[in-house]
Amino acid sequence: MLAWSDSFATKIEMVDLQHQKLFELLGRLSDNFNQSDPSETLVNDTLQELLAYADKHFVDEELLMLHAKLDARHINIHRMEHKSFIYDAQSMYEHLCTTDDLIVVSEKLVRFITSWLTFHILGIDHSMAAQMTAIKQGATPEQAYEARRTLKYNADVTHLMLDSILDLWHMSLDRCHKLEEKLAVLEGRRQQE
């Protein structure tokens, strides 16, 4: 389970408080499926609360970036990641509910959200914070954006980010294999006709 630590801190109070709330909601989602007989309504309601809060957080973060006058390239990438997360989490839930039992669905969702949040916060959110600091210190938005490549991560943070990427990749690979199996079944049916 994902637990807040200083590694996740961006040093932007609003952002860090909202991230902590997302961790709390993720913990509640995890707790819901750890019950002996989880309720689909409870899991769904908790997921919807988490996604609604994430959407609110994303809007706040995007407004913060605009106010700080971050480079449009960063804002566009950041916004795309936010939209992708909401879409992916929602569609994953809807798809999994038709193929897996509630416990498996919840476990996969918690795993996806945990990995995504870890990578997103440690990656692009830390980059956002570094760019905001650079702009406050006199850099242009363009200079701050270009300097993001020099952002140094300690070994623990790098390890967390790599684990998250690998986990997301494995989940995608598993999904691709399942889609290939379904495609093979459909192709077999088509050839029999």
Protein backbone atom coordinates (compact mmCIF):
# COMPACT_ATOMS: atom_id res chain seq x y z
CA MET A 1 0.00 0.00 0.00
CA LEU A 2 1.19 3.48 -0.84
CA ALA A 3 2.18 5.52 2.20
CA TRP A 4 3.07 9.19 2.24
CA SER A 5 6.73 10.02 2.82
CA ASP A 6 8.97 13.02 2.29
CA SER A 7 10.06 11.49 -1.01
CA PHE A 8 6.67 12.49 -2.44
CA ALA A 9 6.76 16.07 -1.13
CA THR A 10 6.86 18.76 -3.80
CA LYS A 11 7.21 21.48 -1.11
CA ILE A 12 4.06 23.12 -2.51
CA GLU A 13 1.64 22.98 0.41
CA MET A 14 -1.61 22.75 -1.54
CA VAL A 15 -0.24 20.07 -3.86
CA ASP A 16 1.23 18.00 -1.02
CA LEU A 17 -1.98 18.18 1.04
CA GLN A 18 -4.04 17.08 -1.95
CA HIS A 19 -1.62 14.25 -2.72
CA GLN A 20 -1.93 13.07 0.87
CA LYS A 21 -5.72 13.07 0.49
CA LEU A 22 -5.37 10.97 -2.69
CA PHE A 23 -3.22 8.49 -0.74
CA GLU A 24 -5.90 8.38 1.96
CA LEU A 25 -8.65 7.68 -0.60
CA LEU A 26 -6.50 5.01 -2.23
CA GLY A 27 -6.07 3.42 1.20
CA ARG A 28 -9.85 3.40 1.67
CA LEU A 29 -10.31 1.74 -1.72
CA SER A 30 -7.78 -0.90 -0.73
CA ASP A 31 -9.49 -1.38 2.65
CA ASN A 32 -12.84 -1.89 0.93
CA PHE A 33 -11.70 -4.93 -1.00
CA ASN A 34 -9.76 -6.35 1.94
CA GLN A 35 -13.08 -6.99 3.65
CA SER A 36 -14.22 -10.60 3.61
CA ASP A 37 -17.21 -9.73 1.44
CA PRO A 38 -16.62 -6.42 -0.35
CA SER A 39 -19.63 -4.53 -1.60
CA GLU A 40 -19.61 -3.52 -5.26
CA THR A 41 -21.44 -0.34 -4.32
CA LEU A 42 -18.89 0.56 -1.64
CA VAL A 43 -15.92 -0.11 -3.96
CA ASN A 44 -17.59 1.82 -6.79
CA ASP A 45 -18.49 4.75 -4.53
CA THR A 46 -14.96 4.93 -3.10
CA LEU A 47 -13.42 4.76 -6.58
CA GLN A 48 -15.75 7.50 -7.83
CA GLU A 49 -14.85 9.65 -4.81
CA LEU A 50 -11.15 9.10 -5.51
CA LEU A 51 -11.56 9.95 -9.21
CA ALA A 52 -13.65 13.04 -8.45
CA TYR A 53 -11.05 14.24 -5.95
CA ALA A 54 -8.24 13.47 -8.42
CA ASP A 55 -10.08 15.50 -11.08
CA LYS A 56 -10.43 18.44 -8.66
CA HIS A 57 -6.76 18.14 -7.74
CA PHE A 58 -5.77 18.07 -11.40
CA VAL A 59 -7.74 21.25 -12.09
CA ASP A 60 -6.11 22.96 -9.09
CA GLU A 61 -2.66 21.84 -10.23
CA GLU A 62 -3.26 23.05 -13.78
CA LEU A 63 -4.45 26.44 -12.52
CA LEU A 64 -1.36 26.63 -10.31
CA MET A 65 0.88 25.95 -13.32
CA LEU A 66 -0.88 28.64 -15.36
CA HIS A 67 -0.60 31.13 -12.50
CA ALA A 68 3.12 30.32 -12.12
CA LYS A 69 3.48 30.82 -15.91
CA LEU A 70 5.12 27.47 -16.55
CA ASP A 71 6.17 26.70 -20.09
CA ALA A 72 3.19 25.62 -22.20
CA ARG A 73 5.02 22.43 -23.20
CA HIS A 74 5.09 21.26 -19.60
CA ILE A 75 1.49 22.28 -18.96
CA ASN A 76 0.29 20.41 -22.05
CA ILE A 77 2.13 17.20 -21.13
CA HIS A 78 1.00 17.46 -17.51
CA ARG A 79 -2.62 18.03 -18.53
CA MET A 80 -2.48 15.08 -20.93
CA GLU A 81 -1.26 12.82 -18.10
CA HIS A 82 -4.11 13.98 -15.89
CA LYS A 83 -6.75 13.30 -18.54
CA SER A 84 -5.19 9.96 -19.36
CA PHE A 85 -5.29 8.86 -15.72
CA ILE A 86 -9.01 9.61 -15.32
CA TYR A 87 -9.81 7.87 -18.61
CA ASP A 88 -7.59 4.84 -17.90
CA ALA A 89 -8.83 4.30 -14.34
CA GLN A 90 -12.48 4.64 -15.36
CA SER A 91 -12.22 2.41 -18.43
CA MET A 92 -10.13 -0.15 -16.55
CA TYR A 93 -12.82 -0.37 -13.87
CA GLU A 94 -15.63 -0.68 -16.40
CA HIS A 95 -13.79 -3.34 -18.41
CA LEU A 96 -12.63 -5.36 -15.42
CA CYS A 97 -16.11 -5.43 -13.92
CA THR A 98 -17.28 -7.43 -16.93
CA THR A 99 -14.44 -9.98 -16.78
CA ASP A 100 -13.19 -10.35 -13.19
CA ASP A 101 -14.61 -10.65 -9.70
CA LEU A 102 -14.76 -7.61 -7.44
CA ILE A 103 -11.66 -8.46 -5.42
CA VAL A 104 -9.52 -8.91 -8.55
CA VAL A 105 -10.95 -5.70 -10.03
CA SER A 106 -10.16 -3.74 -6.88
CA GLU A 107 -6.67 -5.18 -6.55
CA LYS A 108 -5.84 -4.29 -10.16
CA LEU A 109 -7.24 -0.78 -9.73
CA VAL A 110 -5.32 -0.16 -6.51
CA ARG A 111 -2.16 -1.47 -8.16
CA PHE A 112 -2.65 0.76 -11.21
CA ILE A 113 -3.48 3.87 -9.18
CA THR A 114 -0.58 3.25 -6.79
CA SER A 115 1.92 2.88 -9.62
CA TRP A 116 0.52 5.79 -11.58
CA LEU A 117 0.49 8.17 -8.60
CA THR A 118 4.00 7.15 -7.60
CA PHE A 119 5.43 7.74 -11.05
CA HIS A 120 3.41 10.92 -11.68
CA ILE A 121 4.21 12.62 -8.38
CA LEU A 122 7.89 11.68 -8.34
CA GLY A 123 8.26 12.55 -12.01
CA ILE A 124 6.21 15.31 -13.55
CA ASP A 125 4.95 16.86 -10.29
CA HIS A 126 8.50 17.16 -8.94
CA SER A 127 9.52 18.63 -12.28
CA MET A 128 6.65 21.12 -12.00
CA ALA A 129 7.80 22.14 -8.52
CA ALA A 130 11.41 22.55 -9.67
CA GLN A 131 10.30 24.70 -12.60
CA MET A 132 8.17 26.87 -10.34
CA THR A 133 11.15 27.38 -8.02
CA ALA A 134 13.42 28.25 -10.95
CA ILE A 135 10.93 30.83 -12.25
CA LYS A 136 10.65 32.38 -8.77
CA GLN A 137 14.46 32.66 -8.80
CA GLY A 138 14.43 34.55 -12.09
CA ALA A 139 14.54 31.91 -14.82
CA THR A 140 12.23 32.27 -17.79
CA PRO A 141 9.59 29.57 -18.20
CA GLU A 142 11.54 28.25 -21.19
CA GLN A 143 14.79 28.08 -19.19
CA ALA A 144 13.03 26.38 -16.30
CA TYR A 145 11.47 23.83 -18.66
CA GLU A 146 14.79 23.05 -20.36
CA ALA A 147 16.50 22.72 -16.96
CA ARG A 148 14.05 20.00 -15.90
CA ARG A 149 16.36 17.47 -17.53
CA THR A 150 19.00 18.21 -14.91
CA LEU A 151 16.67 17.29 -12.04
CA LYS A 152 18.55 14.77 -9.89
CA TYR A 153 16.81 11.92 -8.09
CA ASN A 154 18.29 9.96 -5.22
CA ALA A 155 18.57 6.18 -5.53
CA ASP A 156 15.43 5.47 -3.48
CA VAL A 157 13.27 7.76 -5.60
CA THR A 158 14.74 6.37 -8.80
CA HIS A 159 13.99 2.86 -7.55
CA LEU A 160 10.36 3.79 -6.76
CA MET A 161 9.91 5.36 -10.19
CA LEU A 162 11.40 2.36 -12.00
CA ASP A 163 9.25 -0.06 -10.00
CA SER A 164 6.18 1.98 -10.91
CA ILE A 165 7.03 2.05 -14.61
CA LEU A 166 7.68 -1.68 -14.63
CA ASP A 167 4.42 -2.37 -12.83
CA LEU A 168 2.46 -0.20 -15.27
CA TRP A 169 4.24 -1.90 -18.17
CA HIS A 170 3.42 -5.37 -16.82
CA MET A 171 -0.24 -4.42 -16.41
CA SER A 172 -0.31 -3.12 -20.01
CA LEU A 173 1.41 -6.26 -21.26
CA ASP A 174 -1.10 -8.45 -19.42
CA ARG A 175 -3.96 -6.47 -20.97
CA CYS A 176 -2.42 -6.82 -24.45
CA HIS A 177 -2.12 -10.59 -24.01
CA LYS A 178 -5.78 -10.82 -22.97
CA LEU A 179 -6.81 -8.75 -25.99
CA GLU A 180 -4.71 -10.96 -28.28
CA GLU A 181 -6.44 -14.04 -26.84
CA LYS A 182 -9.87 -12.51 -27.46
CA LEU A 183 -8.84 -11.52 -30.97
CA ALA A 184 -7.64 -15.08 -31.66
CA VAL A 185 -10.99 -16.47 -30.46
CA LEU A 186 -12.90 -14.03 -32.68
CA GLU A 187 -10.62 -14.82 -35.64
CA GLY A 188 -11.21 -18.55 -35.07
CA ARG A 189 -14.97 -18.00 -35.05
CA ARG A 190 -14.77 -15.92 -38.20
CA GLN A 191 -12.81 -18.62 -40.00
CA GLN A 192 -15.35 -21.28 -38.95
CA GLU A 193 -18.19 -19.34 -40.52
